[in-house]
C-alpha cells in the first residue's frame, strides 16, 4: 500500500502541474543536491502543525528566527507558514519520490521504473475498489444487523443495497479517476 499511496500523491501532483514523472524525479534529485530548504523540508522527523506535516528542522529554524528576533510578529510567523503551505504539495510529492526510490532500492545513478510502478498502482487501485466493496458488503449480510429489521424490504428501505452505498460508489469513482490519470503516462 506504500507504493499505492506514494504513486497516488505523485500522479495527482504531476497531473495537476502537467509534468512527466521521470522529469519530476530528476527535478527532485537536483533540488536535493542544491537547495537547503528542500533538504530540510524533506528530512525526518516531521511535526504536525494543524494538519500540515512540517520537517522538524524547518520548525527549529523558525524557532531560532523568533529567538534571534529575525521574526518579530505573528504576521511574519504566518508568512513563513504560508510559504510552507505553498510548497507543501510539491514537497509531499518529492518525499513520495524519495520513498519509492528507497523502497525499490534505486541506486543513486539509477531512476525509478515508472512503467512497473504505474502498472502496480493500477492493479492496487482495482484491488482497493474490490476490497472496499467486499468489506462494506458484510454490513448488508451480517446476522446481528439483520436482526433489527422485520424483513429484507425494511432493511433495503433503510440501508439500500451495496450498489447504493455512497462510500463504495465514491471509492469506485475515485479509483477510476486515479486509474485514468495513471493511464495517461506511457507504460
N, C-alpha and C. Protein backbone atom coordinates (compact mmCIF):
# COMPACT_ATOMS: atom_id res chain seq x y z
N UNK A 1 0.81 -1.20 0.00
CA UNK A 1 0.00 0.00 0.00
C UNK A 1 0.86 1.27 0.00
N UNK A 2 2.11 1.14 0.43
CA UNK A 2 3.00 2.30 0.39
C UNK A 2 3.23 2.74 -1.05
N UNK A 3 3.37 1.78 -1.95
CA UNK A 3 3.51 2.12 -3.37
C UNK A 3 2.26 2.84 -3.85
N UNK A 4 1.09 2.34 -3.47
CA UNK A 4 -0.17 2.96 -3.88
C UNK A 4 -0.24 4.41 -3.38
N UNK A 5 0.05 4.62 -2.10
CA UNK A 5 -0.02 5.96 -1.52
C UNK A 5 0.95 6.92 -2.17
N UNK A 6 2.19 6.50 -2.35
CA UNK A 6 3.19 7.37 -2.98
C UNK A 6 2.83 7.68 -4.42
N UNK A 7 2.41 6.67 -5.15
CA UNK A 7 2.06 6.90 -6.56
C UNK A 7 0.82 7.79 -6.68
N UNK A 8 -0.14 7.63 -5.77
CA UNK A 8 -1.34 8.49 -5.79
C UNK A 8 -0.93 9.95 -5.62
N UNK A 9 -0.03 10.21 -4.69
CA UNK A 9 0.45 11.57 -4.44
C UNK A 9 1.20 12.11 -5.66
N UNK A 10 2.11 11.30 -6.19
CA UNK A 10 2.92 11.72 -7.33
C UNK A 10 2.04 11.96 -8.56
N UNK A 11 1.17 11.01 -8.86
CA UNK A 11 0.31 11.15 -10.04
C UNK A 11 -0.59 12.37 -9.94
N UNK A 12 -1.15 12.61 -8.77
CA UNK A 12 -2.01 13.79 -8.60
C UNK A 12 -1.21 15.07 -8.82
N UNK A 13 0.01 15.11 -8.27
CA UNK A 13 0.84 16.31 -8.41
C UNK A 13 1.27 16.54 -9.85
N UNK A 14 1.81 15.50 -10.50
CA UNK A 14 2.31 15.70 -11.87
C UNK A 14 1.15 15.97 -12.83
N UNK A 15 0.00 15.36 -12.57
CA UNK A 15 -1.17 15.62 -13.42
C UNK A 15 -1.62 17.07 -13.27
N UNK A 16 -1.73 17.56 -12.06
CA UNK A 16 -2.17 18.93 -11.80
C UNK A 16 -1.19 19.94 -12.40
N UNK A 17 0.09 19.61 -12.38
CA UNK A 17 1.12 20.54 -12.82
C UNK A 17 1.65 20.24 -14.22
N UNK A 18 0.98 19.31 -14.92
CA UNK A 18 1.34 18.97 -16.30
C UNK A 18 2.82 18.60 -16.43
N UNK A 19 3.26 17.68 -15.57
CA UNK A 19 4.65 17.24 -15.56
C UNK A 19 4.75 15.78 -15.95
N UNK A 20 5.94 15.35 -16.24
CA UNK A 20 6.27 13.96 -16.51
C UNK A 20 6.90 13.40 -15.22
N UNK A 21 6.59 12.16 -14.87
CA UNK A 21 7.10 11.58 -13.63
C UNK A 21 8.62 11.52 -13.63
N UNK A 22 9.21 11.08 -14.71
CA UNK A 22 10.68 10.97 -14.77
C UNK A 22 11.34 12.34 -14.65
N UNK A 23 10.76 13.34 -15.30
CA UNK A 23 11.31 14.70 -15.19
C UNK A 23 11.17 15.22 -13.76
N UNK A 24 10.05 14.90 -13.11
CA UNK A 24 9.86 15.33 -11.73
C UNK A 24 10.86 14.64 -10.81
N UNK A 25 11.16 13.37 -11.08
CA UNK A 25 12.18 12.66 -10.31
C UNK A 25 13.52 13.36 -10.46
N UNK A 26 13.88 13.75 -11.69
CA UNK A 26 15.14 14.47 -11.93
C UNK A 26 15.15 15.80 -11.18
N UNK A 27 14.03 16.52 -11.23
CA UNK A 27 13.92 17.80 -10.52
C UNK A 27 14.09 17.60 -9.01
N UNK A 28 13.50 16.54 -8.49
CA UNK A 28 13.61 16.23 -7.05
C UNK A 28 15.06 15.97 -6.68
N UNK A 29 15.74 15.14 -7.46
CA UNK A 29 17.14 14.80 -7.17
C UNK A 29 18.03 16.03 -7.27
N UNK A 30 17.77 16.87 -8.26
CA UNK A 30 18.56 18.09 -8.42
C UNK A 30 18.35 19.04 -7.24
N UNK A 31 17.10 19.16 -6.80
CA UNK A 31 16.79 20.04 -5.66
C UNK A 31 17.48 19.55 -4.39
N UNK A 32 17.55 18.25 -4.24
CA UNK A 32 18.21 17.70 -3.05
C UNK A 32 19.70 17.98 -3.03
N UNK A 33 20.28 18.13 -4.20
CA UNK A 33 21.71 18.44 -4.28
C UNK A 33 22.00 19.91 -4.02
N UNK A 34 21.04 20.81 -4.33
CA UNK A 34 21.34 22.23 -4.35
C UNK A 34 20.60 23.07 -3.32
N UNK A 35 19.38 22.72 -2.99
CA UNK A 35 18.54 23.62 -2.22
C UNK A 35 18.47 23.21 -0.75
N UNK A 36 18.98 24.07 0.11
CA UNK A 36 18.97 23.82 1.54
C UNK A 36 17.55 23.66 2.07
N UNK A 37 16.64 24.53 1.62
CA UNK A 37 15.25 24.44 2.09
C UNK A 37 14.65 23.08 1.76
N UNK A 38 14.88 22.59 0.53
CA UNK A 38 14.30 21.31 0.12
C UNK A 38 14.87 20.18 0.96
N UNK A 39 16.17 20.23 1.21
CA UNK A 39 16.80 19.19 2.04
C UNK A 39 16.16 19.18 3.42
N UNK A 40 15.99 20.35 4.01
CA UNK A 40 15.37 20.44 5.34
C UNK A 40 13.90 20.03 5.29
N UNK A 41 13.20 20.47 4.27
CA UNK A 41 11.77 20.19 4.17
C UNK A 41 11.49 18.70 4.03
N UNK A 42 12.39 17.98 3.39
CA UNK A 42 12.18 16.55 3.15
C UNK A 42 12.83 15.66 4.20
N UNK A 43 13.44 16.28 5.20
CA UNK A 43 14.12 15.49 6.22
C UNK A 43 13.13 14.96 7.25
N UNK A 44 13.58 13.98 7.96
CA UNK A 44 12.76 13.38 9.02
C UNK A 44 13.28 13.90 10.35
N UNK A 45 12.57 13.88 11.40
CA UNK A 45 11.14 13.62 11.52
C UNK A 45 10.32 14.86 11.18
N UNK A 46 9.02 14.70 11.19
CA UNK A 46 8.12 15.81 10.90
C UNK A 46 7.25 16.09 12.12
N UNK A 47 6.71 17.30 12.15
CA UNK A 47 5.82 17.73 13.22
C UNK A 47 4.49 18.10 12.57
N UNK A 48 3.40 17.71 13.21
CA UNK A 48 2.07 18.04 12.71
C UNK A 48 1.68 19.42 13.22
N UNK A 49 1.62 20.38 12.31
CA UNK A 49 1.21 21.75 12.66
C UNK A 49 -0.18 22.00 12.08
N UNK A 50 -1.19 21.68 12.84
CA UNK A 50 -2.55 21.91 12.39
C UNK A 50 -2.93 21.10 11.17
N UNK A 51 -2.43 19.90 11.05
CA UNK A 51 -2.76 19.04 9.92
C UNK A 51 -1.73 19.09 8.79
N UNK A 52 -0.82 20.03 8.86
CA UNK A 52 0.25 20.11 7.86
C UNK A 52 1.52 19.55 8.48
N UNK A 53 2.11 18.58 7.81
CA UNK A 53 3.34 17.99 8.31
C UNK A 53 4.51 18.85 7.86
N UNK A 54 5.32 19.28 8.83
CA UNK A 54 6.46 20.15 8.55
C UNK A 54 7.69 19.51 9.18
N UNK A 55 8.79 19.54 8.45
CA UNK A 55 10.03 19.00 8.94
C UNK A 55 10.42 19.66 10.26
N UNK A 56 10.87 18.85 11.19
CA UNK A 56 11.32 19.37 12.48
C UNK A 56 12.45 20.39 12.30
N UNK A 57 13.29 20.18 11.30
CA UNK A 57 14.38 21.14 11.06
C UNK A 57 13.85 22.52 10.68
N UNK A 58 12.80 22.57 9.86
CA UNK A 58 12.21 23.87 9.49
C UNK A 58 11.56 24.53 10.70
N UNK A 59 10.92 23.74 11.54
CA UNK A 59 10.31 24.30 12.75
C UNK A 59 11.40 24.84 13.68
N UNK A 60 12.49 24.12 13.81
CA UNK A 60 13.62 24.61 14.63
C UNK A 60 14.19 25.90 14.06
N UNK A 61 14.27 25.99 12.74
CA UNK A 61 14.73 27.24 12.11
C UNK A 61 13.79 28.39 12.45
N UNK A 62 12.49 28.13 12.40
CA UNK A 62 11.51 29.16 12.73
C UNK A 62 11.67 29.61 14.19
N UNK A 63 11.82 28.66 15.08
CA UNK A 63 12.01 28.99 16.49
C UNK A 63 13.28 29.81 16.67
N UNK A 64 14.34 29.41 15.99
CA UNK A 64 15.60 30.15 16.07
C UNK A 64 15.42 31.59 15.57
N UNK A 65 14.71 31.73 14.45
CA UNK A 65 14.46 33.07 13.89
C UNK A 65 13.64 33.93 14.85
N UNK A 66 12.74 33.33 15.58
CA UNK A 66 11.95 34.07 16.58
C UNK A 66 12.85 34.47 17.75
N UNK A 67 13.64 33.53 18.23
CA UNK A 67 14.51 33.79 19.38
C UNK A 67 15.58 34.85 19.07
N UNK A 68 16.05 34.88 17.82
CA UNK A 68 17.08 35.85 17.44
C UNK A 68 16.49 37.12 16.84
N UNK A 69 15.18 37.27 16.96
CA UNK A 69 14.45 38.47 16.52
C UNK A 69 14.55 38.73 15.01
N UNK A 70 14.79 37.68 14.23
CA UNK A 70 14.70 37.82 12.78
C UNK A 70 13.22 37.80 12.35
N UNK A 71 12.40 37.18 13.19
CA UNK A 71 10.95 37.20 13.03
C UNK A 71 10.40 37.83 14.30
N UNK A 72 9.58 38.90 14.12
CA UNK A 72 9.16 39.69 15.28
C UNK A 72 7.66 39.82 15.46
N UNK A 73 6.86 39.15 14.63
CA UNK A 73 5.41 39.33 14.78
C UNK A 73 4.69 38.05 14.34
N UNK A 74 3.43 37.98 14.76
CA UNK A 74 2.60 36.87 14.32
C UNK A 74 2.43 36.90 12.81
N UNK A 75 2.36 38.07 12.26
CA UNK A 75 2.21 38.21 10.81
C UNK A 75 3.40 37.57 10.09
N UNK A 76 4.59 37.78 10.60
CA UNK A 76 5.79 37.19 9.98
C UNK A 76 5.80 35.67 10.15
N UNK A 77 5.32 35.21 11.31
CA UNK A 77 5.22 33.75 11.52
C UNK A 77 4.25 33.16 10.51
N UNK A 78 3.12 33.83 10.32
CA UNK A 78 2.13 33.35 9.36
C UNK A 78 2.67 33.39 7.93
N UNK A 79 3.53 34.34 7.62
CA UNK A 79 4.14 34.38 6.29
C UNK A 79 5.01 33.14 6.06
N UNK A 80 5.75 32.75 7.09
CA UNK A 80 6.58 31.54 6.98
C UNK A 80 5.67 30.32 6.77
N UNK A 81 4.63 30.25 7.60
CA UNK A 81 3.70 29.13 7.48
C UNK A 81 3.05 29.11 6.10
N UNK A 82 2.66 30.26 5.58
CA UNK A 82 2.07 30.34 4.24
C UNK A 82 3.06 29.89 3.17
N UNK A 83 4.33 30.22 3.35
CA UNK A 83 5.36 29.76 2.41
C UNK A 83 5.46 28.24 2.46
N UNK A 84 5.45 27.68 3.68
CA UNK A 84 5.48 26.22 3.81
C UNK A 84 4.28 25.61 3.11
N UNK A 85 3.11 26.20 3.32
CA UNK A 85 1.88 25.66 2.73
C UNK A 85 1.94 25.71 1.20
N UNK A 86 2.48 26.78 0.66
CA UNK A 86 2.58 26.93 -0.80
C UNK A 86 3.46 25.83 -1.41
N UNK A 87 4.41 25.35 -0.64
CA UNK A 87 5.34 24.32 -1.14
C UNK A 87 4.93 22.91 -0.73
N UNK A 88 3.88 22.79 0.08
CA UNK A 88 3.52 21.52 0.71
C UNK A 88 3.25 20.41 -0.30
N UNK A 89 2.40 20.64 -1.29
CA UNK A 89 2.04 19.58 -2.24
C UNK A 89 3.25 19.09 -3.03
N UNK A 90 4.08 20.03 -3.46
CA UNK A 90 5.28 19.64 -4.21
C UNK A 90 6.24 18.86 -3.33
N UNK A 91 6.43 19.31 -2.10
CA UNK A 91 7.35 18.62 -1.20
C UNK A 91 6.81 17.25 -0.80
N UNK A 92 5.50 17.13 -0.69
CA UNK A 92 4.89 15.83 -0.41
C UNK A 92 5.16 14.88 -1.58
N UNK A 93 5.04 15.37 -2.81
CA UNK A 93 5.32 14.55 -3.98
C UNK A 93 6.81 14.20 -4.06
N UNK A 94 7.66 15.15 -3.72
CA UNK A 94 9.11 14.87 -3.70
C UNK A 94 9.43 13.80 -2.67
N UNK A 95 8.82 13.91 -1.50
CA UNK A 95 9.04 12.91 -0.45
C UNK A 95 8.56 11.54 -0.93
N UNK A 96 7.49 11.51 -1.71
CA UNK A 96 7.00 10.25 -2.26
C UNK A 96 7.99 9.66 -3.26
N UNK A 97 8.60 10.50 -4.07
CA UNK A 97 9.66 10.04 -4.99
C UNK A 97 10.79 9.40 -4.19
N UNK A 98 11.24 10.09 -3.16
CA UNK A 98 12.34 9.59 -2.32
C UNK A 98 11.96 8.27 -1.65
N UNK A 99 10.73 8.20 -1.16
CA UNK A 99 10.25 6.98 -0.51
C UNK A 99 10.24 5.81 -1.49
N UNK A 100 9.74 6.04 -2.71
CA UNK A 100 9.73 4.97 -3.71
C UNK A 100 11.14 4.55 -4.10
N UNK A 101 12.04 5.51 -4.22
CA UNK A 101 13.44 5.18 -4.55
C UNK A 101 14.03 4.29 -3.46
N UNK A 102 13.74 4.60 -2.22
CA UNK A 102 14.24 3.80 -1.09
C UNK A 102 13.58 2.42 -1.10
N UNK A 103 12.27 2.40 -1.24
CA UNK A 103 11.50 1.15 -1.22
C UNK A 103 11.94 0.21 -2.34
N UNK A 104 12.22 0.78 -3.51
CA UNK A 104 12.60 -0.02 -4.69
C UNK A 104 14.11 -0.22 -4.81
N UNK A 105 14.85 0.22 -3.80
CA UNK A 105 16.32 0.08 -3.80
C UNK A 105 16.96 0.66 -5.05
N UNK A 106 16.51 1.84 -5.45
CA UNK A 106 17.06 2.51 -6.62
C UNK A 106 18.38 3.17 -6.22
N UNK A 107 19.43 2.84 -6.94
CA UNK A 107 20.75 3.39 -6.66
C UNK A 107 20.83 4.84 -7.13
N UNK A 108 21.81 5.56 -6.64
CA UNK A 108 21.96 6.99 -6.93
C UNK A 108 21.98 7.29 -8.43
N UNK A 109 22.65 6.46 -9.21
CA UNK A 109 22.78 6.72 -10.64
C UNK A 109 21.62 6.15 -11.46
N UNK A 110 20.69 5.46 -10.79
CA UNK A 110 19.55 4.86 -11.48
C UNK A 110 18.30 5.71 -11.31
N UNK A 111 17.27 5.36 -12.06
CA UNK A 111 15.99 6.05 -11.98
C UNK A 111 14.89 5.04 -11.71
N UNK A 112 13.77 5.51 -11.20
CA UNK A 112 12.62 4.66 -10.92
C UNK A 112 12.13 3.99 -12.20
N UNK A 113 11.64 2.78 -12.05
CA UNK A 113 10.99 2.08 -13.17
C UNK A 113 9.53 2.52 -13.17
N UNK A 114 9.27 3.63 -13.83
CA UNK A 114 7.95 4.26 -13.81
C UNK A 114 6.89 3.32 -14.40
N UNK A 115 7.22 2.61 -15.45
CA UNK A 115 6.27 1.69 -16.09
C UNK A 115 5.77 0.65 -15.10
N UNK A 116 6.69 0.02 -14.40
CA UNK A 116 6.32 -1.00 -13.42
C UNK A 116 5.50 -0.40 -12.28
N UNK A 117 5.90 0.79 -11.82
CA UNK A 117 5.16 1.44 -10.73
C UNK A 117 3.74 1.81 -11.14
N UNK A 118 3.56 2.28 -12.37
CA UNK A 118 2.22 2.61 -12.85
C UNK A 118 1.36 1.36 -12.97
N UNK A 119 1.94 0.30 -13.50
CA UNK A 119 1.20 -0.96 -13.61
C UNK A 119 0.79 -1.48 -12.23
N UNK A 120 1.72 -1.41 -11.28
CA UNK A 120 1.44 -1.85 -9.91
C UNK A 120 0.36 -0.96 -9.29
N UNK A 121 0.45 0.34 -9.52
CA UNK A 121 -0.54 1.28 -8.98
C UNK A 121 -1.93 0.96 -9.52
N UNK A 122 -2.05 0.73 -10.81
CA UNK A 122 -3.35 0.43 -11.42
C UNK A 122 -3.92 -0.86 -10.83
N UNK A 123 -3.07 -1.85 -10.67
CA UNK A 123 -3.50 -3.11 -10.07
C UNK A 123 -3.98 -2.88 -8.63
N UNK A 124 -3.24 -2.10 -7.87
CA UNK A 124 -3.63 -1.81 -6.49
C UNK A 124 -4.91 -0.99 -6.41
N UNK A 125 -5.12 -0.08 -7.34
CA UNK A 125 -6.34 0.72 -7.36
C UNK A 125 -7.56 -0.18 -7.61
N UNK A 126 -7.44 -1.11 -8.55
CA UNK A 126 -8.54 -2.07 -8.79
C UNK A 126 -8.80 -2.90 -7.53
N UNK A 127 -7.73 -3.38 -6.92
CA UNK A 127 -7.87 -4.19 -5.71
C UNK A 127 -8.47 -3.39 -4.56
N UNK A 128 -8.07 -2.14 -4.44
CA UNK A 128 -8.61 -1.25 -3.41
C UNK A 128 -10.12 -1.14 -3.56
N UNK A 129 -10.60 -0.88 -4.76
CA UNK A 129 -12.04 -0.76 -5.01
C UNK A 129 -12.76 -2.07 -4.68
N UNK A 130 -12.17 -3.21 -5.07
CA UNK A 130 -12.78 -4.52 -4.79
C UNK A 130 -12.87 -4.77 -3.29
N UNK A 131 -11.80 -4.46 -2.58
CA UNK A 131 -11.78 -4.73 -1.14
C UNK A 131 -12.73 -3.82 -0.37
N UNK A 132 -12.87 -2.58 -0.80
CA UNK A 132 -13.82 -1.68 -0.15
C UNK A 132 -15.24 -2.24 -0.30
N UNK A 133 -15.58 -2.66 -1.49
CA UNK A 133 -16.92 -3.20 -1.73
C UNK A 133 -17.12 -4.49 -0.94
N UNK A 134 -16.12 -5.34 -0.93
CA UNK A 134 -16.21 -6.61 -0.21
C UNK A 134 -16.39 -6.37 1.30
N UNK A 135 -15.65 -5.44 1.84
CA UNK A 135 -15.72 -5.14 3.27
C UNK A 135 -17.08 -4.54 3.63
N UNK A 136 -17.56 -3.60 2.82
CA UNK A 136 -18.86 -2.98 3.09
C UNK A 136 -20.01 -3.96 2.89
N UNK A 137 -19.85 -4.92 1.98
CA UNK A 137 -20.91 -5.90 1.72
C UNK A 137 -21.24 -6.70 2.97
N UNK A 138 -20.28 -6.88 3.84
CA UNK A 138 -20.51 -7.60 5.09
C UNK A 138 -21.59 -6.91 5.92
N UNK A 139 -21.66 -5.59 5.85
CA UNK A 139 -22.66 -4.84 6.61
C UNK A 139 -24.09 -5.18 6.17
N UNK A 140 -24.23 -5.63 4.94
CA UNK A 140 -25.56 -5.90 4.41
C UNK A 140 -26.02 -7.34 4.67
N UNK A 141 -25.12 -8.21 5.11
CA UNK A 141 -25.47 -9.61 5.36
C UNK A 141 -25.20 -10.04 6.79
N UNK A 142 -24.68 -9.18 7.59
CA UNK A 142 -24.35 -9.53 8.97
C UNK A 142 -25.61 -9.89 9.76
N UNK A 143 -25.65 -11.06 10.40
CA UNK A 143 -26.86 -11.51 11.12
C UNK A 143 -27.31 -10.52 12.21
N UNK A 144 -26.40 -9.97 12.95
CA UNK A 144 -26.78 -9.04 14.01
C UNK A 144 -27.48 -7.81 13.42
N UNK A 145 -26.93 -7.30 12.35
CA UNK A 145 -27.53 -6.13 11.71
C UNK A 145 -28.91 -6.47 11.14
N UNK A 146 -29.03 -7.66 10.60
CA UNK A 146 -30.31 -8.08 10.05
C UNK A 146 -31.38 -8.23 11.12
N UNK A 147 -30.97 -8.51 12.34
CA UNK A 147 -31.94 -8.76 13.41
C UNK A 147 -32.75 -7.53 13.80
N UNK A 148 -32.32 -6.35 13.43
CA UNK A 148 -33.05 -5.13 13.81
C UNK A 148 -34.14 -4.77 12.79
N UNK A 149 -34.22 -5.54 11.71
CA UNK A 149 -35.23 -5.28 10.69
C UNK A 149 -36.23 -6.43 10.67
N UNK A 150 -37.50 -6.11 10.39
CA UNK A 150 -38.54 -7.15 10.34
C UNK A 150 -38.40 -8.04 9.13
N UNK A 151 -37.89 -7.46 8.02
CA UNK A 151 -37.73 -8.26 6.80
C UNK A 151 -36.73 -7.57 5.87
N UNK A 152 -36.44 -8.21 4.75
CA UNK A 152 -35.47 -7.68 3.80
C UNK A 152 -35.92 -6.36 3.17
N UNK A 153 -37.21 -6.23 2.94
CA UNK A 153 -37.72 -4.99 2.34
C UNK A 153 -37.48 -3.80 3.27
N UNK A 154 -37.72 -4.01 4.56
CA UNK A 154 -37.49 -2.93 5.52
C UNK A 154 -36.00 -2.58 5.59
N UNK A 155 -35.17 -3.61 5.62
CA UNK A 155 -33.71 -3.38 5.63
C UNK A 155 -33.27 -2.62 4.39
N UNK A 156 -33.80 -3.00 3.25
CA UNK A 156 -33.44 -2.33 1.99
C UNK A 156 -33.92 -0.88 1.98
N UNK A 157 -35.07 -0.64 2.56
CA UNK A 157 -35.60 0.73 2.63
C UNK A 157 -34.72 1.62 3.50
N UNK A 158 -34.15 1.05 4.55
CA UNK A 158 -33.30 1.83 5.46
C UNK A 158 -31.87 1.93 4.95
N UNK A 159 -31.28 0.79 4.61
CA UNK A 159 -29.87 0.74 4.22
C UNK A 159 -29.63 0.93 2.73
N UNK A 160 -30.59 0.55 1.93
CA UNK A 160 -30.35 0.48 0.50
C UNK A 160 -29.62 -0.81 0.20
N UNK A 161 -28.90 -0.83 -0.89
CA UNK A 161 -28.12 -2.02 -1.25
C UNK A 161 -26.64 -1.63 -1.32
N UNK A 162 -25.80 -2.62 -1.43
CA UNK A 162 -24.36 -2.36 -1.55
C UNK A 162 -24.08 -1.48 -2.76
N UNK A 163 -24.88 -1.63 -3.80
CA UNK A 163 -24.67 -0.82 -5.01
C UNK A 163 -25.09 0.64 -4.81
N UNK A 164 -25.90 0.90 -3.75
CA UNK A 164 -26.33 2.27 -3.43
C UNK A 164 -25.40 2.95 -2.41
N UNK A 165 -24.53 2.16 -1.81
CA UNK A 165 -23.68 2.68 -0.73
C UNK A 165 -22.77 3.79 -1.27
N UNK A 166 -22.91 5.00 -0.74
CA UNK A 166 -22.16 6.14 -1.27
C UNK A 166 -20.66 6.00 -1.04
N UNK A 167 -20.28 5.39 0.07
CA UNK A 167 -18.84 5.20 0.32
C UNK A 167 -18.25 4.30 -0.76
N UNK A 168 -18.95 3.22 -1.09
CA UNK A 168 -18.47 2.29 -2.11
C UNK A 168 -18.44 2.97 -3.47
N UNK A 169 -19.54 3.64 -3.83
CA UNK A 169 -19.59 4.26 -5.16
C UNK A 169 -18.58 5.41 -5.28
N UNK A 170 -18.43 6.20 -4.22
CA UNK A 170 -17.43 7.28 -4.26
C UNK A 170 -16.02 6.72 -4.38
N UNK A 171 -15.75 5.62 -3.67
CA UNK A 171 -14.43 4.99 -3.75
C UNK A 171 -14.17 4.45 -5.14
N UNK A 172 -15.18 3.83 -5.73
CA UNK A 172 -15.03 3.30 -7.09
C UNK A 172 -14.76 4.43 -8.08
N UNK A 173 -15.48 5.54 -7.95
CA UNK A 173 -15.28 6.69 -8.83
C UNK A 173 -13.86 7.23 -8.66
N UNK A 174 -13.42 7.37 -7.41
CA UNK A 174 -12.07 7.89 -7.14
C UNK A 174 -11.00 6.97 -7.73
N UNK A 175 -11.17 5.66 -7.58
CA UNK A 175 -10.19 4.72 -8.12
C UNK A 175 -10.17 4.82 -9.65
N UNK A 176 -11.34 4.96 -10.27
CA UNK A 176 -11.39 5.09 -11.74
C UNK A 176 -10.70 6.37 -12.19
N UNK A 177 -10.89 7.46 -11.43
CA UNK A 177 -10.21 8.72 -11.76
C UNK A 177 -8.69 8.56 -11.66
N UNK A 178 -8.24 7.90 -10.61
CA UNK A 178 -6.80 7.70 -10.43
C UNK A 178 -6.22 6.79 -11.53
N UNK A 179 -6.96 5.76 -11.88
CA UNK A 179 -6.52 4.86 -12.95
C UNK A 179 -6.44 5.63 -14.27
N UNK A 180 -7.41 6.51 -14.52
CA UNK A 180 -7.40 7.31 -15.75
C UNK A 180 -6.16 8.22 -15.79
N UNK A 181 -5.82 8.81 -14.64
CA UNK A 181 -4.61 9.66 -14.58
C UNK A 181 -3.37 8.81 -14.85
N UNK A 182 -3.29 7.66 -14.18
CA UNK A 182 -2.12 6.78 -14.35
C UNK A 182 -2.01 6.30 -15.80
N UNK A 183 -3.14 6.07 -16.43
CA UNK A 183 -3.14 5.55 -17.80
C UNK A 183 -2.64 6.57 -18.82
N UNK A 184 -2.61 7.84 -18.43
CA UNK A 184 -2.10 8.88 -19.35
C UNK A 184 -0.59 8.81 -19.53
N UNK A 185 0.07 8.14 -18.60
CA UNK A 185 1.52 8.05 -18.68
C UNK A 185 1.90 6.79 -19.44
N UNK A 186 2.92 6.89 -20.27
CA UNK A 186 3.30 5.74 -21.10
C UNK A 186 3.79 4.57 -20.25
N UNK A 187 3.31 3.39 -20.61
CA UNK A 187 3.75 2.16 -19.93
C UNK A 187 4.49 1.26 -20.91
